[in-house]
Amino acid sequence: MLHCSPAFNKEKEELLSIGVEGIVLYKSGSNYYPMAGALGKVKCVAVDEVGLGKTVPICSVAFLEKSPLESCNVPIDVNKGISGAPFSGYRVLNQKHTKLYSLGPFFFTSGPKSVRNGY
């Protein structure tokens, strides 16, 4: 009987960290301003399509999370900041062993302005 075994000289694929960069802006009319301290979140899936556990989670979507400004804390779905911006292309930062994804920009605005006399 012949036994097959995996090749022991096979190179291991190096696991890379994932980094995400982007900017969050405050939209006021037709003007945009950078928001220091705005937070986003990243969704990672730890199961595959059939519900089996994975050893390495797959991070694939980013969202707006929190504005540092009370006067500008309404997220808008430009570039899928609310519904979830999918990760796409990345660049590898070899010295940091990282896949760096760039997303956005995402936007917050002040709430809708109330209309005088209900009109």
C-alpha atoms as a PDB file:
ATOM      1  CA  MET A   1       0.000   0.000   0.000  1.00  0.00           C
ATOM      2  CA  LEU A   2       1.306   3.444  -0.945  1.00  0.00           C
ATOM      3  CA  HIS A   3       0.971   6.290   1.584  1.00  0.00           C
ATOM      4  CA  CYS A   4       0.976   9.883   0.457  1.00  0.00           C
ATOM      5  CA  SER A   5       2.261  12.515   2.790  1.00  0.00           C
ATOM      6  CA  PRO A   6       2.379  16.293   2.444  1.00  0.00           C
ATOM      7  CA  ALA A   7       5.551  17.843   1.132  1.00  0.00           C
ATOM      8  CA  PHE A   8       7.660  18.962   4.060  1.00  0.00           C
ATOM      9  CA  ASN A   9       9.614  21.511   2.067  1.00  0.00           C
ATOM     10  CA  LYS A  10       6.509  23.486   1.180  1.00  0.00           C
ATOM     11  CA  GLU A  11       6.899  27.161   2.056  1.00  0.00           C
ATOM     12  CA  LYS A  12       4.506  28.382   4.713  1.00  0.00           C
ATOM     13  CA  GLU A  13       2.315  31.244   3.626  1.00  0.00           C
ATOM     14  CA  GLU A  14       3.069  34.145   5.930  1.00  0.00           C
ATOM     15  CA  LEU A  15       0.070  35.510   7.813  1.00  0.00           C
ATOM     16  CA  LEU A  16      -0.181  39.275   7.619  1.00  0.00           C
ATOM     17  CA  SER A  17      -1.857  41.649  10.049  1.00  0.00           C
ATOM     18  CA  ILE A  18      -4.695  43.753   8.683  1.00  0.00           C
ATOM     19  CA  GLY A  19      -4.648  47.535   8.904  1.00  0.00           C
ATOM     20  CA  VAL A  20      -7.383  49.942   7.861  1.00  0.00           C
ATOM     21  CA  GLU A  21      -6.883  53.624   7.140  1.00  0.00           C
ATOM     22  CA  GLY A  22      -9.357  56.301   6.254  1.00  0.00           C
ATOM     23  CA  ILE A  23     -10.661  59.719   7.090  1.00  0.00           C
ATOM     24  CA  VAL A  24     -13.919  60.868   8.649  1.00  0.00           C
ATOM     25  CA  LEU A  25     -15.227  64.273   7.647  1.00  0.00           C
ATOM     26  CA  TYR A  26     -17.851  66.673   9.005  1.00  0.00           C
ATOM     27  CA  LYS A  27     -20.197  67.760   6.209  1.00  0.00           C
ATOM     28  CA  SER A  28     -21.706  71.209   6.602  1.00  0.00           C
ATOM     29  CA  GLY A  29     -23.604  72.297   3.496  1.00  0.00           C
ATOM     30  CA  SER A  30     -21.158  71.945   0.631  1.00  0.00           C
ATOM     31  CA  ASN A  31     -18.105  72.170   2.929  1.00  0.00           C
ATOM     32  CA  TYR A  32     -16.131  69.299   4.478  1.00  0.00           C
ATOM     33  CA  TYR A  33     -13.881  69.376   7.544  1.00  0.00           C
ATOM     34  CA  PRO A  34     -11.682  66.590   9.000  1.00  0.00           C
ATOM     35  CA  MET A  35     -12.886  65.206  12.351  1.00  0.00           C
ATOM     36  CA  ALA A  36     -10.163  64.310  14.830  1.00  0.00           C
ATOM     37  CA  GLY A  37     -11.288  61.581  17.223  1.00  0.00           C
ATOM     38  CA  ALA A  38     -14.074  60.082  15.087  1.00  0.00           C
ATOM     39  CA  LEU A  39     -14.335  56.304  15.447  1.00  0.00           C
ATOM     40  CA  GLY A  40     -15.075  53.521  13.011  1.00  0.00           C
ATOM     41  CA  LYS A  41     -15.532  49.808  13.547  1.00  0.00           C
ATOM     42  CA  VAL A  42     -14.506  46.752  11.563  1.00  0.00           C
ATOM     43  CA  LYS A  43     -16.643  43.624  11.245  1.00  0.00           C
ATOM     44  CA  CYS A  44     -14.801  40.309  11.306  1.00  0.00           C
ATOM     45  CA  VAL A  45     -16.437  36.961  10.549  1.00  0.00           C
ATOM     46  CA  ALA A  46     -15.142  33.940  12.440  1.00  0.00           C
ATOM     47  CA  VAL A  47     -17.219  31.299  10.611  1.00  0.00           C
ATOM     48  CA  ASP A  48     -17.339  30.257   6.998  1.00  0.00           C
ATOM     49  CA  GLU A  49     -20.358  30.031   4.695  1.00  0.00           C
ATOM     50  CA  VAL A  50     -21.538  26.701   6.184  1.00  0.00           C
ATOM     51  CA  GLY A  51     -21.133  27.799   9.813  1.00  0.00           C
ATOM     52  CA  LEU A  52     -17.871  26.031  10.551  1.00  0.00           C
ATOM     53  CA  GLY A  53     -15.368  27.822  12.743  1.00  0.00           C
ATOM     54  CA  LYS A  54     -12.277  29.370  11.232  1.00  0.00           C
ATOM     55  CA  THR A  55      -8.949  29.654  12.942  1.00  0.00           C
ATOM     56  CA  VAL A  56      -8.375  33.103  11.444  1.00  0.00           C
ATOM     57  CA  PRO A  57     -11.289  35.561  11.332  1.00  0.00           C
ATOM     58  CA  ILE A  58     -11.904  37.399   8.082  1.00  0.00           C
ATOM     59  CA  CYS A  59     -12.351  41.156   8.479  1.00  0.00           C
ATOM     60  CA  SER A  60     -14.229  42.521   5.530  1.00  0.00           C
ATOM     61  CA  VAL A  61     -16.468  45.516   6.314  1.00  0.00           C
ATOM     62  CA  ALA A  62     -16.014  48.898   8.040  1.00  0.00           C
ATOM     63  CA  PHE A  63     -18.651  51.251   9.500  1.00  0.00           C
ATOM     64  CA  LEU A  64     -18.908  54.650  11.154  1.00  0.00           C
ATOM     65  CA  GLU A  65     -19.148  54.247  14.920  1.00  0.00           C
ATOM     66  CA  LYS A  66     -18.986  57.535  16.859  1.00  0.00           C
ATOM     67  CA  SER A  67     -18.502  61.250  16.382  1.00  0.00           C
ATOM     68  CA  PRO A  68     -16.540  63.287  18.933  1.00  0.00           C
ATOM     69  CA  LEU A  69     -18.863  66.269  18.357  1.00  0.00           C
ATOM     70  CA  GLU A  70     -22.372  66.497  19.810  1.00  0.00           C
ATOM     71  CA  SER A  71     -23.280  69.104  17.193  1.00  0.00           C
ATOM     72  CA  CYS A  72     -22.208  66.820  14.338  1.00  0.00           C
ATOM     73  CA  ASN A  73     -23.078  63.243  15.210  1.00  0.00           C
ATOM     74  CA  VAL A  74     -25.474  62.076  12.481  1.00  0.00           C
ATOM     75  CA  PRO A  75     -23.746  59.519  10.235  1.00  0.00           C
ATOM     76  CA  ILE A  76     -24.587  59.519   6.527  1.00  0.00           C
ATOM     77  CA  ASP A  77     -24.187  56.575   4.184  1.00  0.00           C
ATOM     78  CA  VAL A  78     -21.767  58.206   1.743  1.00  0.00           C
ATOM     79  CA  ASN A  79     -19.222  55.528   0.746  1.00  0.00           C
ATOM     80  CA  LYS A  80     -21.289  53.019   2.784  1.00  0.00           C
ATOM     81  CA  GLY A  81     -20.310  54.448   6.158  1.00  0.00           C
ATOM     82  CA  ILE A  82     -23.608  53.191   7.654  1.00  0.00           C
ATOM     83  CA  SER A  83     -24.430  50.114   5.565  1.00  0.00           C
ATOM     84  CA  GLY A  84     -20.838  48.862   5.610  1.00  0.00           C
ATOM     85  CA  ALA A  85     -17.946  49.598   3.271  1.00  0.00           C
ATOM     86  CA  PRO A  86     -16.441  46.368   1.933  1.00  0.00           C
ATOM     87  CA  PHE A  87     -12.689  45.971   1.937  1.00  0.00           C
ATOM     88  CA  SER A  88     -11.302  45.768  -1.574  1.00  0.00           C
ATOM     89  CA  GLY A  89      -7.780  46.432  -2.782  1.00  0.00           C
ATOM     90  CA  TYR A  90      -4.916  46.635  -0.346  1.00  0.00           C
ATOM     91  CA  ARG A  91      -1.208  47.268  -0.346  1.00  0.00           C
ATOM     92  CA  VAL A  92       1.294  45.214   1.591  1.00  0.00           C
ATOM     93  CA  LEU A  93       3.572  46.976   4.053  1.00  0.00           C
ATOM     94  CA  ASN A  94       6.388  44.429   4.030  1.00  0.00           C
ATOM     95  CA  GLN A  95       8.350  45.869   6.953  1.00  0.00           C
ATOM     96  CA  LYS A  96       5.232  45.811   9.147  1.00  0.00           C
ATOM     97  CA  HIS A  97       3.917  42.472   7.796  1.00  0.00           C
ATOM     98  CA  THR A  98       0.562  44.176   7.184  1.00  0.00           C
ATOM     99  CA  LYS A  99      -2.122  44.318   4.502  1.00  0.00           C
ATOM    100  CA  LEU A 100      -3.265  47.965   4.546  1.00  0.00           C
ATOM    101  CA  TYR A 101      -6.767  48.710   3.252  1.00  0.00           C
ATOM    102  CA  SER A 102      -7.861  52.299   2.500  1.00  0.00           C
ATOM    103  CA  LEU A 103     -11.547  53.186   2.914  1.00  0.00           C
ATOM    104  CA  GLY A 104     -13.839  56.185   2.879  1.00  0.00           C
ATOM    105  CA  PRO A 105     -13.985  58.981   3.357  1.00  0.00           C
ATOM    106  CA  PHE A 106     -16.909  58.596   5.757  1.00  0.00           C
ATOM    107  CA  PHE A 107     -19.101  61.517   6.839  1.00  0.00           C
ATOM    108  CA  PHE A 108     -21.016  62.853   9.825  1.00  0.00           C
ATOM    109  CA  THR A 109     -23.335  65.832   9.613  1.00  0.00           C
ATOM    110  CA  SER A 110     -25.529  67.808  11.957  1.00  0.00           C
ATOM    111  CA  GLY A 111     -29.140  66.626  12.125  1.00  0.00           C
ATOM    112  CA  PRO A 112     -31.686  67.658   9.529  1.00  0.00           C
ATOM    113  CA  LYS A 113     -32.697  71.271   9.951  1.00  0.00           C
ATOM    114  CA  SER A 114     -36.228  71.798  11.194  1.00  0.00           C
ATOM    115  CA  VAL A 115     -38.495  73.603   8.776  1.00  0.00           C
ATOM    116  CA  ARG A 116     -40.214  76.814   9.939  1.00  0.00           C
ATOM    117  CA  ASN A 117     -43.962  76.470  10.463  1.00  0.00           C
ATOM    118  CA  GLY A 118     -43.791  72.807   9.434  1.00  0.00           C
ATOM    119  CA  TYR A 119     -43.154  73.614   5.753  1.00  0.00           C
END
